[in-house]
């Protein structure tokens, strides 16, 4: 499916996680929630693709990340997209308020 997608796009952008960051230890009693936190990054690794997670905002003082996925053996693509994003935003310079 990824190979098919990369026939028509240069990069795939997804959330890094299905919800905003949680406080340290907040989900440790719920293994399923901990597992689901990786639902977007797992398939990328399993498919052998290169990806980069970049901060892209905050919700209620907690950071939000976006994942840039590039085609296999083309690490430069998500790195270039991430660099360009950081040139026009300041999210990577800001800290959580919580």
Protein backbone atom coordinates (compact mmCIF):
# COMPACT_ATOMS: atom_id res chain seq x y z
CA UNK A 1 0.00 0.00 0.00
CA UNK A 2 2.84 2.40 0.80
CA UNK A 3 4.59 1.65 -2.50
CA UNK A 4 1.34 2.37 -4.34
CA UNK A 5 0.91 5.67 -2.49
CA UNK A 6 4.46 6.78 -3.32
CA UNK A 7 3.71 6.44 -7.02
CA UNK A 8 1.61 9.60 -6.74
CA UNK A 9 3.02 11.50 -3.71
CA UNK A 10 6.49 12.43 -2.48
CA UNK A 11 5.75 12.25 1.24
CA UNK A 12 2.95 11.02 3.50
CA UNK A 13 2.00 13.17 6.47
CA UNK A 14 0.27 11.56 9.46
CA UNK A 15 -0.11 12.37 13.12
CA UNK A 16 2.70 10.89 15.21
CA UNK A 17 0.13 9.61 17.72
CA UNK A 18 -3.68 9.35 17.79
CA UNK A 19 -3.92 11.82 20.68
CA UNK A 20 -1.78 14.51 22.26
CA UNK A 21 1.13 13.59 24.49
CA UNK A 22 0.21 12.25 27.88
CA UNK A 23 1.93 12.90 31.17
CA UNK A 24 4.66 10.49 32.22
CA UNK A 25 3.12 7.41 33.82
CA UNK A 26 -0.45 8.48 33.02
CA UNK A 27 -1.22 5.46 30.82
CA UNK A 28 1.09 2.90 32.43
CA UNK A 29 -1.86 1.01 33.96
CA UNK A 30 -3.51 0.56 30.53
CA UNK A 31 -1.23 -1.47 28.21
CA UNK A 32 -3.71 -1.24 25.32
CA UNK A 33 -3.65 2.57 25.36
CA UNK A 34 0.16 2.48 25.48
CA UNK A 35 0.20 0.11 22.48
CA UNK A 36 -2.27 2.24 20.52
CA UNK A 37 -0.10 5.32 21.03
CA UNK A 38 2.23 3.80 18.39
CA UNK A 39 -0.49 2.97 15.85
CA UNK A 40 0.85 5.52 13.31
CA UNK A 41 4.59 4.94 13.75
CA UNK A 42 4.54 1.13 13.88
CA UNK A 43 3.52 0.40 10.28
CA UNK A 44 6.15 2.79 8.97
CA UNK A 45 8.94 0.92 10.74
CA UNK A 46 7.55 -2.50 9.81
CA UNK A 47 7.43 -1.46 6.15
CA UNK A 48 11.07 -0.36 6.28
CA UNK A 49 10.25 3.23 5.41
CA UNK A 50 12.04 6.33 6.60
CA UNK A 51 10.11 8.74 8.74
CA UNK A 52 10.60 11.85 10.83
CA UNK A 53 8.45 13.14 13.67
CA UNK A 54 8.31 16.92 13.94
CA UNK A 55 6.57 19.09 16.56
CA UNK A 56 3.65 20.89 14.97
CA UNK A 57 1.65 22.50 17.76
CA UNK A 58 0.11 22.19 21.20
CA UNK A 59 -3.30 21.19 22.55
CA UNK A 60 -4.06 22.17 26.13
CA UNK A 61 -0.36 22.84 26.68
CA UNK A 62 0.75 19.37 25.48
CA UNK A 63 2.77 18.84 22.28
CA UNK A 64 1.41 17.45 19.04
CA UNK A 65 3.66 15.80 16.47
CA UNK A 66 3.38 15.08 12.79
CA UNK A 67 5.11 12.20 11.08
CA UNK A 68 6.60 12.68 7.62
CA UNK A 69 7.02 9.36 5.82
CA UNK A 70 9.23 8.96 2.77
CA UNK A 71 9.74 6.15 0.32
CA UNK A 72 12.13 3.32 1.11
CA UNK A 73 15.81 4.33 0.75
CA UNK A 74 14.99 8.04 0.41
CA UNK A 75 15.74 9.43 3.86
CA UNK A 76 16.41 12.83 2.37
CA UNK A 77 12.73 13.39 1.53
CA UNK A 78 11.22 13.52 5.04
CA UNK A 79 14.34 15.35 6.26
CA UNK A 80 13.91 18.03 3.58
CA UNK A 81 10.19 18.41 4.29
CA UNK A 82 10.86 18.60 8.05
CA UNK A 83 13.57 21.19 7.54
CA UNK A 84 11.31 23.34 5.38
CA UNK A 85 8.50 23.08 7.93
CA UNK A 86 10.84 24.23 10.70
CA UNK A 87 11.99 27.16 8.56
CA UNK A 88 8.46 28.58 8.47
CA UNK A 89 7.25 27.64 11.98
CA UNK A 90 8.53 27.97 15.55
CA UNK A 91 6.94 24.88 17.10
CA UNK A 92 10.33 23.18 17.47
CA UNK A 93 11.50 26.07 19.68
CA UNK A 94 8.56 26.05 22.08
CA UNK A 95 8.09 24.06 25.28
CA UNK A 96 4.97 22.44 26.76
CA UNK A 97 3.25 24.51 29.42
CA UNK A 98 2.25 21.46 31.46
